[in-house]
Every structure is written in structure tokens, then in C-alpha cells.
Protein backbone atom coordinates (compact mmCIF):
# COMPACT_ATOMS: atom_id res chain seq x y z
CA SER A 1 -0.04 0.29 -0.22
CA THR A 2 1.07 3.65 -0.20
CA HIS A 3 1.19 3.66 3.29
CA ARG A 4 3.29 0.99 3.85
CA ARG A 5 5.35 2.82 0.85
CA GLU A 6 5.72 5.81 2.87
CA ALA A 7 6.74 4.75 5.96
CA ALA A 8 9.30 1.66 5.16
CA TYR A 9 10.75 3.66 2.41
CA GLY A 10 11.19 7.44 3.36
CA LYS A 11 14.29 9.48 2.08
CA VAL A 12 17.65 9.35 4.17
CA ASN A 13 20.50 11.59 4.05
CA LYS A 14 23.65 11.74 5.83
CA LEU A 15 24.17 8.86 7.81
CA ASN A 16 27.24 7.47 9.63
CA VAL A 17 27.44 4.46 10.96
CA GLY A 18 29.85 4.67 13.34
CA GLY A 19 33.43 2.12 12.44
CA LEU A 20 31.77 0.30 9.54
CA GLY A 21 30.38 2.28 7.06
CA ARG A 22 30.75 5.90 5.60
CA VAL A 23 28.31 9.05 5.25
CA ALA A 24 26.05 8.15 2.47
CA SER A 25 22.42 8.63 1.43
CA LEU A 26 19.54 7.07 0.12
CA THR A 27 19.41 8.37 -3.75
CA SER A 28 16.33 6.05 -4.70
CA ARG A 29 13.37 5.15 -3.38
CA SER A 30 11.82 1.19 -4.19
CA SER A 31 8.90 -0.78 -3.57
CA PRO A 32 9.43 -4.06 -1.78
CA GLY A 33 9.99 -5.80 -5.13
CA GLU A 34 12.57 -3.47 -6.01
CA ARG A 35 14.70 -3.36 -2.67
CA ASP A 36 17.49 -4.63 -4.73
CA GLU A 37 18.03 -1.10 -6.48
CA ALA A 38 18.02 1.19 -3.53
CA LYS A 39 21.14 3.08 -4.07
CA VAL A 40 23.17 4.15 -1.50
CA ARG A 41 26.03 6.76 -2.92
CA GLY A 42 29.29 6.55 -0.86
CA SER A 43 31.78 9.45 0.72
CA ALA A 44 33.66 7.89 -2.13
CA GLY A 45 31.50 8.99 -4.78
CA ARG A 46 30.26 5.49 -6.42
CA THR A 47 26.84 4.35 -5.96
CA VAL A 48 26.47 1.01 -3.89
CA TYR A 49 23.97 -1.87 -4.97
CA PRO A 50 23.97 -3.69 -1.24
CA ALA A 51 22.54 -7.15 -0.76
CA PRO A 52 18.44 -6.69 -0.06
CA SER A 53 19.23 -8.61 3.24
CA ARG A 54 21.55 -5.79 4.78
CA LEU A 55 19.19 -3.30 6.25
CA LEU A 56 18.31 -0.93 9.01
CA TYR A 57 15.29 0.47 9.92
CA THR A 58 14.69 3.57 12.41
CA LYS A 59 11.41 4.50 13.52
CA ASN A 60 12.43 8.52 13.26
CA GLU A 61 14.16 9.50 10.60
CA GLN A 62 15.51 12.31 11.60
CA ASN A 63 16.83 9.87 14.63
CA PHE A 64 19.50 8.40 12.46
CA GLY A 65 21.83 7.40 15.58
CA ASP A 66 18.94 4.84 16.60
CA TYR A 67 19.33 2.51 13.87
CA ARG A 68 18.52 -1.22 13.99
CA ILE A 69 19.45 -3.98 12.01
CA PHE A 70 16.66 -6.34 10.45
CA SER A 71 16.06 -8.27 7.60
CA PRO A 72 13.34 -7.56 4.95
CA ASP A 73 10.81 -9.57 6.06
CA ILE A 74 10.45 -8.21 9.39
CA VAL A 75 10.42 -4.25 8.53
CA THR A 76 8.13 -5.23 4.65
CA GLN A 77 5.69 -7.02 7.50
CA ASN A 78 5.76 -3.92 9.91
CA PRO A 79 4.71 -0.83 8.32
CA TYR A 80 5.85 1.74 11.42
CA PHE A 81 9.67 1.48 10.47
CA SER A 82 11.89 3.28 7.69
CA VAL A 83 14.45 1.60 6.06
CA ILE A 84 17.85 2.38 4.84
CA THR A 85 20.35 0.41 3.64
CA ILE A 86 23.37 -1.40 5.87
CA LEU A 87 26.70 0.97 5.01
CA MET A 88 29.34 -1.46 5.29
CA GLU A 89 32.11 -1.24 3.33
CA GLN A 90 31.78 -3.36 0.27
CA ASP A 91 35.42 -4.28 0.37
CA LYS A 92 35.31 -4.86 4.02
CA ILE A 93 32.03 -6.90 3.59
CA SER A 94 33.94 -9.22 1.04
CA GLU A 95 36.98 -9.58 3.28
CA LEU A 96 35.18 -10.79 6.00
CA LEU A 97 33.14 -13.57 4.22
CA ASN A 98 36.28 -14.34 2.42
CA GLU A 99 37.96 -14.83 5.48
CA PHE A 100 35.05 -16.42 7.24
CA THR A 101 34.71 -18.88 4.10
CA GLN A 102 38.49 -20.06 4.11
CA PHE A 103 38.56 -20.58 8.09
CA VAL A 104 35.94 -22.93 7.97
CA ASP A 105 37.32 -24.69 4.93
CA ILE A 106 40.44 -25.30 6.55
CA VAL A 107 38.99 -26.63 9.47
CA ARG A 108 36.87 -29.10 7.58
CA ILE A 109 40.00 -30.00 6.03
CA LEU A 110 41.62 -30.82 9.30
CA ARG A 111 38.85 -33.10 10.26
CA GLU A 112 39.14 -34.87 7.31
CA LYS A 113 42.46 -35.54 6.73
CA CYS A 114 44.57 -34.38 9.91
CA PRO A 115 44.74 -37.87 12.27
CA TRP A 116 44.49 -36.10 16.16
CA ASP A 117 41.40 -33.42 14.36
CA LYS A 118 39.77 -36.85 12.88
CA GLU A 119 39.41 -38.50 16.47
CA GLN A 120 37.99 -35.61 18.00
CA THR A 121 34.56 -35.82 19.44
CA HIS A 122 32.18 -33.16 21.49
CA GLU A 123 33.34 -34.89 24.68
CA SER A 124 37.30 -34.81 24.11
CA LEU A 125 37.16 -30.87 23.27
CA ARG A 126 35.65 -29.95 26.33
CA ARG A 127 39.04 -29.19 28.21
CA CYS A 128 40.08 -27.23 24.74
CA LEU A 129 37.39 -25.08 24.92
CA LEU A 130 37.53 -24.81 28.61
CA GLU A 131 41.55 -24.26 28.23
CA GLU A 132 41.18 -21.33 25.74
CA SER A 133 38.50 -19.63 27.53
CA TYR A 134 40.88 -18.84 30.31
CA GLU A 135 43.58 -18.32 27.91
CA VAL A 136 41.26 -15.48 26.64
CA LEU A 137 41.21 -14.29 30.58
CA GLU A 138 44.28 -14.14 30.94
CA ALA A 139 44.93 -12.31 27.41
CA ILE A 140 42.15 -9.74 28.96
CA ASP A 141 43.96 -9.56 32.13
CA SER A 142 47.35 -8.78 31.27
CA GLY A 143 46.03 -6.04 28.57
CA ASN A 144 47.75 -7.67 25.45
CA LYS A 145 45.30 -7.26 22.77
CA ASN A 146 47.50 -8.65 20.41
CA GLU A 147 47.53 -12.07 22.40
CA LEU A 148 43.62 -11.33 23.11
CA LYS A 149 43.37 -11.45 19.29
CA LYS A 150 44.92 -14.56 19.36
CA GLU A 151 43.17 -16.10 21.60
CA LEU A 152 39.64 -15.33 20.71
CA GLY A 153 40.81 -16.87 17.38
CA ASP A 154 41.58 -20.04 19.54
CA VAL A 155 37.80 -19.71 20.62
CA PHE A 156 36.52 -19.11 17.60
CA LEU A 157 38.15 -22.24 16.32
CA GLN A 158 36.18 -23.90 19.07
CA VAL A 159 33.12 -23.25 17.99
CA VAL A 160 33.09 -23.75 13.82
CA PHE A 161 35.09 -27.43 14.99
CA HIS A 162 31.70 -28.17 17.55
CA SER A 163 29.52 -27.01 14.24
CA ILE A 164 31.33 -29.41 12.33
CA ILE A 165 31.12 -32.50 14.05
CA GLY A 166 27.13 -31.44 14.70
CA GLU A 167 26.58 -31.63 10.79
CA GLU A 168 28.74 -34.52 10.92
CA THR A 169 26.08 -36.36 12.98
CA GLY A 170 23.21 -34.58 11.89
CA ASP A 171 22.29 -32.58 14.58
CA PHE A 172 22.77 -29.35 14.03
CA THR A 173 24.99 -27.10 11.66
CA LEU A 174 27.19 -23.91 11.49
CA THR A 175 24.48 -21.99 9.64
CA GLU A 176 21.67 -23.38 12.34
CA VAL A 177 24.03 -21.84 15.32
CA MET A 178 24.50 -18.40 14.38
CA ARG A 179 20.87 -17.88 12.62
CA GLN A 180 19.43 -19.07 16.26
CA GLU A 181 22.03 -16.75 18.29
CA ARG A 182 21.47 -13.88 16.23
CA GLU A 183 17.36 -14.53 16.99
CA LYS A 184 17.75 -15.27 20.20
CA LEU A 185 19.58 -11.80 20.70
CA ILE A 186 16.86 -10.35 18.70
CA GLU A 187 14.06 -11.55 21.01
CA ARG A 188 16.43 -10.88 23.76
CA HIS A 189 16.43 -7.25 23.10
CA PRO A 190 13.01 -5.66 22.97
CA HIS A 191 14.38 -2.70 23.94
CA VAL A 192 16.18 -2.30 20.94
CA PHE A 193 14.31 -4.27 18.10
CA GLY A 194 11.21 -3.51 19.52
CA ASP A 195 8.87 -0.88 21.48
CA THR A 196 10.06 -1.99 25.36
CA LYS A 197 10.78 0.79 27.11
CA VAL A 198 13.63 0.39 30.04
CA THR A 199 15.11 2.92 32.21
CA GLY A 200 18.99 1.13 32.43
CA THR A 201 20.78 -2.05 32.71
CA ASP A 202 18.88 -3.44 35.37
CA GLU A 203 15.46 -3.42 33.76
CA VAL A 204 17.29 -5.49 30.90
CA LEU A 205 18.88 -7.98 33.06
CA VAL A 206 15.36 -8.57 34.64
CA ASN A 207 14.04 -8.81 31.02
CA TRP A 208 16.09 -10.94 30.05
CA GLU A 209 15.68 -13.21 32.84
CA LYS A 210 12.23 -13.36 32.02
CA ARG A 211 12.54 -14.25 28.65
CA LYS A 212 14.88 -17.07 29.37
CA GLN A 213 11.87 -18.56 31.40
CA LYS A 214 9.38 -18.35 28.34
CA ASP A 215 12.13 -20.65 26.72
CA GLY A 216 11.09 -23.33 29.06
CA ARG A 217 13.33 -23.35 32.48
CA ALA A 218 11.77 -24.93 35.02
CA SER A 219 13.97 -22.91 37.24
CA ILE A 220 15.27 -19.32 36.98
CA LEU A 221 18.93 -20.84 38.30
CA ASP A 222 18.79 -23.57 35.45
CA GLY A 223 20.31 -21.20 33.65
CA VAL A 224 23.78 -21.48 35.60
CA PRO A 225 26.16 -24.16 34.35
CA SER A 226 27.08 -26.72 36.63
CA GLU A 227 30.45 -26.28 35.52
CA LEU A 228 31.95 -23.18 36.91
CA PRO A 229 34.18 -22.59 39.05
CA ALA A 230 32.23 -22.72 42.54
CA LEU A 231 32.82 -18.64 42.98
CA PHE A 232 31.73 -17.74 39.95
CA LYS A 233 29.22 -20.38 40.38
CA ALA A 234 27.61 -19.13 43.90
CA TYR A 235 27.80 -15.76 41.98
CA ARG A 236 25.44 -16.29 39.39
CA ILE A 237 23.24 -17.82 41.33
CA GLN A 238 22.83 -14.96 43.74
CA GLU A 239 22.43 -12.67 41.15
CA LYS A 240 19.71 -14.16 39.48
CA ALA A 241 18.19 -14.82 42.80
CA ALA A 242 18.06 -11.27 43.65
CA LYS A 243 16.67 -10.44 40.42
CA VAL A 244 13.34 -11.99 41.19
CA GLY A 245 13.56 -9.56 44.82
CA PHE A 246 15.40 -12.89 46.26
CA ASP A 247 17.86 -10.00 48.14
CA TRP A 248 18.84 -7.94 51.02
CA LYS A 249 17.48 -4.62 51.31
CA ASP A 250 21.49 -2.98 51.44
CA LYS A 251 25.24 -4.14 52.08
CA GLU A 252 25.57 -3.76 55.80
CA PRO A 253 23.49 -7.05 56.57
CA VAL A 254 25.68 -8.90 54.27
CA PHE A 255 28.79 -7.75 56.42
CA ASP A 256 27.23 -8.93 59.47
CA LYS A 257 26.00 -12.38 57.94
CA ILE A 258 29.87 -12.75 57.05
CA ARG A 259 30.96 -11.85 60.77
CA GLU A 260 28.24 -14.44 61.61
CA GLU A 261 29.50 -17.77 59.85
CA ILE A 262 33.02 -16.89 60.87
CA GLU A 263 31.85 -17.29 64.14
CA GLU A 264 30.02 -20.34 63.33
CA LEU A 265 33.39 -22.00 61.80
CA LYS A 266 35.84 -21.02 64.12
CA GLN A 267 33.21 -22.94 66.90
CA ASN A 268 33.24 -25.81 64.68
CA VAL A 269 36.97 -25.55 64.45
CA GLU A 270 37.24 -24.98 68.03
CA SER A 271 34.77 -27.38 69.34
CA GLY A 272 36.52 -30.61 67.45
CA ALA A 273 33.59 -30.77 64.81
CA ASN A 274 33.56 -33.33 62.07
CA PRO A 275 35.85 -32.84 58.97
CA LYS A 276 32.03 -32.29 57.28
CA GLU A 277 30.47 -30.03 59.44
CA ILE A 278 33.77 -27.68 59.48
CA GLU A 279 33.54 -28.10 55.65
CA GLU A 280 29.92 -26.75 55.76
CA GLU A 281 31.11 -23.59 57.95
CA LEU A 282 33.71 -22.63 55.66
CA GLY A 283 31.56 -23.15 52.35
CA ASP A 284 28.93 -20.60 53.94
CA VAL A 285 31.53 -18.07 54.59
CA LEU A 286 32.63 -17.95 51.36
CA PHE A 287 28.99 -17.86 50.16
CA SER A 288 28.53 -14.97 52.40
CA LEU A 289 32.12 -13.13 50.93
CA VAL A 290 30.80 -14.10 47.46
CA ASN A 291 27.23 -12.20 48.11
CA TYR A 292 29.10 -8.83 50.36
CA ALA A 293 31.19 -8.87 46.53
CA ARG A 294 27.93 -8.50 44.40
CA PHE A 295 26.61 -5.71 46.89
CA ILE A 296 29.65 -3.59 46.17
CA ASN A 297 29.93 -4.67 42.65
CA VAL A 298 33.26 -6.80 42.75
CA ASN A 299 33.09 -9.82 40.53
CA PRO A 300 35.05 -12.49 43.09
CA GLU A 301 36.31 -14.71 40.67
CA ASP A 302 38.26 -11.74 39.14
CA ALA A 303 39.03 -10.41 42.34
CA LEU A 304 40.58 -13.80 43.89
CA ARG A 305 42.59 -14.16 40.36
CA GLN A 306 44.21 -11.17 40.51
CA THR A 307 45.48 -11.90 43.94
CA VAL A 308 46.65 -15.19 42.59
CA ASN A 309 48.63 -13.86 40.16
CA LYS A 310 49.24 -11.43 42.63
CA PHE A 311 50.49 -13.69 45.11
CA SER A 312 52.42 -16.05 42.07
CA LYS A 313 54.56 -12.56 41.05
CA ARG A 314 55.87 -12.08 44.79
CA PHE A 315 56.97 -15.46 45.18
CA ARG A 316 58.14 -15.91 42.04
CA LYS A 317 60.73 -13.33 42.97
CA ILE A 318 62.37 -15.29 46.11
CA GLU A 319 62.63 -18.14 43.73
CA GLU A 320 64.65 -15.65 41.31
CA HIS A 321 66.25 -14.57 44.51
CA ALA A 322 67.25 -18.47 45.65
CA LYS A 323 68.19 -18.86 41.61
CA SER A 324 70.95 -16.11 41.79
CA GLU A 325 72.35 -17.60 44.60
CA ASN A 326 72.86 -20.88 43.70
CA ARG A 327 70.52 -22.06 47.00
CA GLU A 328 67.25 -24.07 47.11
CA LEU A 329 63.93 -22.88 48.61
CA GLU A 330 63.74 -25.57 51.35
CA ASP A 331 67.23 -24.10 52.42
CA MET A 332 66.46 -20.50 53.08
CA SER A 333 64.97 -19.41 56.17
CA LEU A 334 61.07 -17.87 56.55
CA GLU A 335 62.79 -14.98 57.51
CA GLU A 336 64.38 -14.72 54.58
CA MET A 337 61.68 -15.36 52.23
CA ASP A 338 59.64 -12.64 54.21
CA ALA A 339 61.92 -10.13 53.51
CA ILE A 340 62.22 -10.70 49.36
CA TRP A 341 58.50 -11.28 49.71
CA ASN A 342 58.06 -7.62 51.10
CA LYS A 343 60.82 -5.99 49.03
CA ALA A 344 58.55 -7.43 46.08
CA LYS A 345 55.28 -6.22 47.72
CA GLU A 346 56.17 -3.04 47.47
CA ASN A 347 56.88 -2.99 43.65
CA THR A 348 54.11 -4.79 43.34
């Protein structure tokens, strides 16, 4: 209809998509059947004919910053959106597609011809995925962007590898993995791709959890992986419970709870309680510490990892000192090691 055409194909001038595109103008109107002919004139002066699936829409033609990525069929079905073509450089699109295709092809070849790759299963690759994920975290902590780039590639390899195995078994394809994730991102961000209004991050997270529940999960806690490290798992479980209102009002009583749990632990140790009871009380102390960390916006897993790294660096200074004097650590006194430790502490 004329109404639909006017609403969906309005004129757009001088839109800049940060990082990916260029200043451009939509130089022709098109009907749904002529969408491929929509021309975009770039800053270099050339006319580009983007693929019909590469579209953006915005409810307000004057608010060019409020853009959203969507497929043309959804736009066509909704008369309230203005459509503009995506402004990603054509050479960048070609480079991305070329690299992606070559990468997947190489993994397929390795799967077919490399003895080690041929033997791998989802189960055997569990350790690899876990190790690569932790190496990404290590690269982030170190601030080494080149190392981060390399480690992200290794994680990406794991995603592609598992997907190829899924194709072989007929369970799923790489295309399905990407499509399902894309659709999930759109569905779980109604404040970006729909009409839902939010005032901040807290509302976004609450809406996210509600939509997860619609996926058929019996409990709000079901989304916490069982394989997570215990400290981080405790954090995530507390976080999820808090989103439905099961939480302390402020941090003061949370800290009081830590004191209470420490006292109970002390009493059990001093009274000679059995190891299982002491272990349980220590778990309560750790759980309450995690809860307090959440209230002061500190990720306990990150905090502990940084402390472990700090300890390791200082202890290595003791080892270096012993090595420089051709001595064994066992031959050094605690006082000597403490002196080196304190010196290292001043510099870290």
C-alpha cells in the first residue's frame, strides 16, 4: 500500500554508522519488489547496490543514531519502520566473508585429513574449550591486545569445530548455530528491536531473565552452568535470585552475615567438629563473602584471580633470588623469604 511504502521507504540523508560505514544518502525510493535497486552513494562518490538482507530500520527518520539491524521480511511486515541500507564498506564485507569461508574450509580439511582432528568428539574437546576460554581471560587481564586477538581466534576455532562435528552427526549445522544465536539476540533485546522501554541496565537484565523463563526452563537457576568454578557459580546464582527480589535490602546486614558465619566456623573448629561440618561452615563463609562482593560490585572470581596472580609474581621473586645465589628454597629461612616478599610487595 501507499501507506506502507511511505512508512517503509522514506528518504534518508547523511547517516554515519560508526566504525563500519560511511556518510551516505539513499538516492532512490523502491517498492518491496524493487528493494535490490535501492542505491547508496558513499563518500567516495560511487554508487553501491547492497544485498537485500542488509537493512537497517529506524522509527524516526530524523534520529539517525537510533538504528537497528533487521531482515527485510520483518521490515516489510511492519508499516511503522523506515528502511535504509546498511553502510558497511563492500570491500570489508567481501574480506569478512572470504576470511570466514576460508577459516571454515580449513577446519573441515583438518577434520578430514588430520589424524588428531579426525578423532575428536564434543566430549574430547571439552578440555580444549575450557582452556582456550581461560586463556582469553588471561589475555584480558594482561592487557595484551595482540594476545587477546590470538586467543579469541582459538575460541572461535572451537565453535566452528563443534559445529562441524554437529553437521557430521546430523544434529545441527554451523549456519543453524549462527541463525539461532542471531534470533535469540533479537528476541531478548525488545528494547532495541521492539517497543519495550527500559530505564537502565537493571531492567534489561530482568527482562532477559523473564525471556529465558519463556524458553521452558523450570527454574530461574537452570541457566547457571554446572561446570562453572564454584566461586563464580555462587555469584551467578545469587545474582539470578536477586533479580526476582530474593535479596538483602543493603550491604550492611550482608557484612554482618559474614561475621556470623566466621564465628560459627571458629566455634566448629575449636570444638573439634567433624571435617564435614567444618567444610560446610567454611562454605557458608565463602558464600557470604561472595554475596558481599556482589553488593560492592566486585566479581569475586576476578578479585581472587588477581590476588592469585599477585601472589605468584611475588613468590617468583623469592625463587629468582634463590636461583641467583644457587640455593634451594628449602635452604632459605622464613625470615629471608619474608624479606624478599616484602621487597617485592613494594614493587607490585
